[in-house]
Protein backbone atom coordinates (compact mmCIF):
# COMPACT_ATOMS: atom_id res chain seq x y z
CA MET A 1 -80.22 30.08 -62.34
CA LYS A 2 -78.04 32.79 -62.41
CA LEU A 3 -79.31 35.84 -62.46
CA LYS A 4 -80.44 37.63 -65.54
CA LEU A 5 -78.43 41.10 -66.24
CA ALA A 6 -78.84 44.29 -68.80
CA ALA A 7 -75.82 46.05 -68.55
CA TYR A 8 -74.99 49.85 -69.47
CA VAL A 9 -72.30 52.10 -69.74
CA ARG A 10 -71.65 55.71 -70.82
CA CYS A 11 -69.37 58.00 -71.93
CA SER A 12 -70.20 61.74 -72.10
CA THR A 13 -68.40 63.74 -74.91
CA ARG A 14 -65.11 64.16 -72.54
CA GLY A 15 -66.26 61.35 -70.43
CA GLN A 16 -62.74 59.77 -71.43
CA ILE A 17 -60.73 62.74 -71.06
CA ASP A 18 -62.05 64.07 -67.77
CA ASP A 19 -61.55 61.01 -65.83
CA GLY A 20 -60.14 57.87 -68.43
CA PHE A 21 -63.15 55.88 -67.64
CA GLY A 22 -64.29 54.84 -71.05
CA LEU A 23 -66.94 52.30 -72.40
CA VAL A 24 -64.03 49.68 -72.91
CA THR A 25 -63.05 49.85 -69.43
CA GLN A 26 -66.51 49.99 -67.80
CA ARG A 27 -67.71 46.94 -70.21
CA GLU A 28 -64.15 45.66 -68.85
CA GLN A 29 -65.11 46.09 -65.44
CA ILE A 30 -68.41 44.73 -65.18
CA GLU A 31 -67.95 41.55 -67.17
CA ARG A 32 -64.75 40.38 -64.67
CA TRP A 33 -67.86 41.55 -61.56
CA ALA A 34 -70.91 39.13 -63.42
CA LYS A 35 -68.09 36.21 -63.48
CA ARG A 36 -67.02 36.74 -59.96
CA ASN A 37 -70.06 36.99 -59.33
CA GLY A 38 -71.65 34.42 -60.84
CA TYR A 39 -74.43 36.60 -62.96
CA LYS A 40 -75.13 36.09 -66.27
CA VAL A 41 -75.22 39.66 -68.57
CA ILE A 42 -77.51 38.93 -71.53
CA ALA A 43 -77.55 42.58 -72.63
CA TRP A 44 -75.44 45.48 -73.44
CA HIS A 45 -77.25 48.68 -73.59
CA SER A 46 -74.61 51.93 -74.14
CA ASP A 47 -75.02 55.49 -74.54
CA GLU A 48 -71.43 57.20 -75.96
CA ALA A 49 -70.99 61.18 -75.46
CA VAL A 50 -74.09 61.53 -74.09
CA SER A 51 -74.54 64.06 -70.74
CA GLY A 52 -75.23 61.74 -67.81
CA MET A 53 -77.58 65.24 -66.78
CA THR A 54 -79.36 63.64 -69.63
CA ASP A 55 -82.72 62.52 -68.96
CA ALA A 56 -83.67 58.53 -69.04
CA LEU A 57 -85.71 58.77 -71.22
CA ASP A 58 -84.02 60.68 -74.52
CA ARG A 59 -81.20 58.10 -73.46
CA ASP A 60 -81.52 55.16 -75.85
CA GLY A 61 -79.36 53.17 -74.31
CA LEU A 62 -80.62 53.66 -70.66
CA ALA A 63 -84.48 53.53 -71.79
CA ALA A 64 -83.47 50.54 -73.65
CA ALA A 65 -81.87 48.97 -70.17
CA LEU A 66 -84.55 50.11 -67.72
CA GLN A 67 -87.48 48.86 -70.53
CA SER A 68 -85.90 45.27 -70.75
CA VAL A 69 -86.74 44.88 -66.86
CA CYS A 70 -90.14 45.97 -67.41
CA ASN A 71 -90.43 43.44 -69.76
CA GLY A 72 -89.21 40.72 -67.86
CA ASP A 73 -86.24 40.49 -70.39
CA VAL A 74 -83.71 40.64 -67.01
CA ASP A 75 -83.40 40.45 -63.44
CA GLY A 76 -81.65 43.81 -63.60
CA VAL A 77 -79.41 46.50 -64.42
CA VAL A 78 -75.67 46.72 -64.33
CA VAL A 79 -73.44 49.30 -64.68
CA ALA A 80 -69.66 49.99 -63.25
CA ARG A 81 -70.43 52.77 -60.95
CA LEU A 82 -74.30 54.40 -59.86
CA ASP A 83 -72.46 57.90 -62.14
CA ARG A 84 -72.55 56.05 -65.24
CA LEU A 85 -76.37 55.47 -64.63
CA ALA A 86 -76.85 59.75 -63.90
CA ARG A 87 -74.86 62.30 -62.29
CA SER A 88 -77.92 64.13 -62.21
CA LEU A 89 -79.54 63.21 -58.34
CA THR A 90 -82.51 62.89 -59.93
CA VAL A 91 -82.12 61.39 -62.74
CA GLN A 92 -80.41 58.58 -61.52
CA GLU A 93 -82.86 58.30 -58.43
CA ALA A 94 -85.43 58.11 -61.09
CA ALA A 95 -83.79 55.86 -62.53
CA LEU A 96 -83.35 53.52 -59.62
CA ALA A 97 -87.25 54.22 -58.82
CA HIS A 98 -88.39 52.64 -62.09
CA VAL A 99 -86.06 49.70 -61.90
CA TRP A 100 -86.91 48.72 -58.27
CA ARG A 101 -90.56 49.49 -59.41
CA CYS A 102 -90.50 46.55 -62.42
CA GLY A 103 -89.42 44.54 -60.04
CA GLY A 104 -85.57 44.66 -60.38
CA ARG A 105 -82.46 45.16 -59.11
CA VAL A 106 -79.72 47.05 -59.45
CA PHE A 107 -76.29 46.33 -59.20
CA THR A 108 -72.53 48.62 -59.31
CA VAL A 109 -69.27 47.16 -60.25
CA ASP A 110 -67.72 48.98 -57.01
CA GLY A 111 -71.00 48.75 -54.36
CA GLY A 112 -72.85 45.91 -55.42
CA GLU A 113 -76.41 46.06 -54.94
CA VAL A 114 -78.29 49.03 -54.56
CA GLU A 115 -80.47 48.29 -52.11
CA ARG A 116 -84.56 49.33 -52.05
CA ASP A 117 -85.05 52.61 -50.33
CA ASP A 118 -86.36 51.43 -46.38
CA PRO A 119 -89.04 53.61 -44.66
CA ASP A 120 -87.31 51.64 -41.52
CA ASP A 121 -83.79 52.54 -42.65
CA PRO A 122 -83.85 56.56 -43.41
CA MET A 123 -79.59 57.18 -43.77
CA ARG A 124 -79.26 54.19 -46.27
CA SER A 125 -81.22 56.12 -49.02
CA ALA A 126 -79.77 59.63 -47.13
CA MET A 127 -76.48 57.93 -47.76
CA ARG A 128 -76.34 57.23 -51.49
CA LYS A 129 -78.48 60.30 -52.18
CA MET A 130 -75.41 62.30 -50.77
CA VAL A 131 -73.10 60.09 -52.76
CA GLY A 132 -75.42 61.96 -55.78
CA VAL A 133 -74.72 64.85 -54.99
CA PHE A 134 -70.99 64.68 -54.91
CA SER A 135 -71.24 63.16 -58.10
CA GLU A 136 -73.01 66.32 -59.43
CA LEU A 137 -71.00 68.89 -57.86
CA GLU A 138 -67.96 66.96 -59.44
CA ARG A 139 -69.35 67.31 -62.89
CA ALA A 140 -70.21 70.89 -62.15
CA MET A 141 -66.45 72.01 -61.00
CA ILE A 142 -65.35 70.21 -63.80
CA ILE A 143 -67.15 72.03 -66.19
CA LYS A 144 -66.34 75.67 -63.88
CA ARG A 145 -62.71 74.24 -64.74
CA LEU A 146 -62.93 74.32 -67.96
CA ARG A 147 -65.09 77.33 -68.48
CA ASP A 148 -62.75 79.31 -65.91
CA GLY A 149 -59.55 78.06 -68.18
CA ARG A 150 -61.17 78.96 -71.31
CA ARG A 151 -62.28 82.69 -70.21
CA THR A 152 -58.61 83.24 -69.14
CA LYS A 153 -56.51 82.30 -72.20
CA SER A 154 -59.05 84.49 -73.58
CA ALA A 155 -58.41 87.63 -71.21
CA ARG A 156 -54.74 86.97 -72.41
CA GLY A 157 -55.47 86.87 -76.58
CA GLY A 158 -55.08 83.25 -76.94
CA TYR A 159 -57.27 80.67 -78.87
CA ALA A 160 -60.60 79.68 -76.18
CA GLY A 161 -62.22 77.40 -78.22
CA GLY A 162 -65.21 77.07 -80.31
CA ARG A 163 -65.35 78.24 -83.71
CA PRO A 164 -62.83 80.37 -84.96
CA ARG A 165 -64.11 83.56 -86.48
CA PHE A 166 -63.97 83.37 -90.51
CA GLY A 167 -60.84 84.60 -91.95
CA THR A 168 -58.29 82.98 -88.70
CA ARG A 169 -58.23 78.88 -88.02
CA ALA A 170 -56.55 77.11 -84.78
CA GLU A 171 -53.54 75.62 -85.42
CA ASP A 172 -51.42 73.90 -82.00
CA GLY A 173 -53.54 75.90 -79.89
CA VAL A 174 -53.82 79.26 -81.51
CA LEU A 175 -55.84 81.40 -83.71
CA VAL A 176 -53.96 81.94 -86.99
CA ALA A 177 -55.03 83.95 -90.46
CA ASP A 178 -56.36 81.68 -93.29
CA LYS A 179 -55.78 83.60 -95.86
CA SER A 180 -58.19 81.78 -98.74
CA GLU A 181 -60.69 83.06 -96.06
CA ALA A 182 -59.12 86.43 -95.19
CA LYS A 183 -59.62 86.76 -99.10
CA ALA A 184 -62.69 85.77 -99.62
CA ALA A 185 -63.94 88.33 -96.89
CA ARG A 186 -62.27 91.26 -98.76
CA ARG A 187 -63.90 90.12 -101.85
CA MET A 188 -67.12 90.49 -100.01
CA LEU A 189 -66.38 94.29 -99.07
CA GLN A 190 -65.65 94.88 -102.29
CA LEU A 191 -68.88 93.89 -104.16
CA HIS A 192 -71.10 95.06 -100.75
CA LYS A 193 -69.64 98.49 -101.96
CA ARG A 194 -70.36 98.35 -105.57
CA GLY A 195 -74.18 98.19 -104.42
CA MET A 196 -74.60 94.20 -104.63
CA SER A 197 -76.99 92.86 -102.38
CA LEU A 198 -76.16 89.99 -100.14
CA ARG A 199 -77.94 87.36 -102.63
CA GLN A 200 -76.07 88.76 -105.47
CA ILE A 201 -72.78 88.40 -103.84
CA ALA A 202 -73.05 84.83 -102.45
CA SER A 203 -73.98 83.52 -105.71
CA THR A 204 -70.70 85.77 -106.91
CA LEU A 205 -68.80 84.04 -104.01
CA ASP A 206 -69.81 80.52 -105.51
CA ALA A 207 -68.86 81.18 -108.49
CA GLU A 208 -65.71 82.74 -108.44
CA GLY A 209 -65.12 79.59 -106.35
CA TYR A 210 -64.64 81.07 -102.95
CA LYS A 211 -64.42 78.18 -100.45
CA PRO A 212 -67.75 78.70 -97.79
CA ARG A 213 -66.97 76.69 -94.86
CA GLY A 214 -70.96 75.47 -95.18
CA LYS A 215 -71.74 73.42 -98.56
CA ALA A 216 -72.71 77.36 -99.94
CA TRP A 217 -72.72 80.44 -99.51
CA HIS A 218 -75.74 82.11 -97.44
CA PRO A 219 -76.87 85.56 -97.98
CA GLN A 220 -77.02 85.58 -93.96
CA ALA A 221 -73.16 84.62 -93.56
CA VAL A 222 -72.20 86.86 -96.29
CA LYS A 223 -73.88 89.73 -93.76
CA ARG A 224 -72.19 88.76 -90.59
CA ILE A 225 -68.84 88.37 -92.19
CA ILE A 226 -69.64 91.97 -93.71
CA GLU A 227 -70.38 93.56 -90.37
CA ARG A 228 -68.17 91.98 -87.96
CA ASP A 229 -65.36 93.45 -91.00
CA GLN A 230 -66.50 96.40 -91.50
CA VAL A 231 -66.90 97.24 -87.68
CA ALA A 232 -63.27 96.28 -87.47
CA SER A 233 -62.23 98.78 -89.81
């Protein structure tokens, strides 16, 4: 009888950009692996744009895959790589323990079955955890490089990402003036100097057709823009 497995695939927000290992690629690898080894994947579970540092129970796809083992629907779980299960070592170990506790097995395309911990072979679990540590470190280094890059760009006066300040917009990686928003900001200052309240200014901007970034002008948004422009002037 063929072993029945639940396949799990995951991609973080920047997964395909960072490592070229998107959901489609993972699925194709798992399908080829299952066919080659004579296993049957009867269910697919996925978490798209979810960090591998997120707890298993906070990931709908992973939680469903683990539960299918405990329900007896499948004999185990297969992932393309162990870091798809989790990049955080603590989350990875918790997921593995959950499957093993329910009598299931865990497989990876690049390494075969993840063997259960054996008190007579402590090196087995130590090596697995070392791989998990380096996977966690790799992710941390990627995040650090991105953060350092943004800081360097910002220090040089460039657009470092995030939501552009009101009155500007990002264009080809550079902040440029947004004329319509700049006009709205000037109108706010005019109304403020007349003694209008924040709520009155917001209502006037809506009535006069100035477009907000949200559905309507909010007094607190008006306050932030006015305070920022007063400091700048």
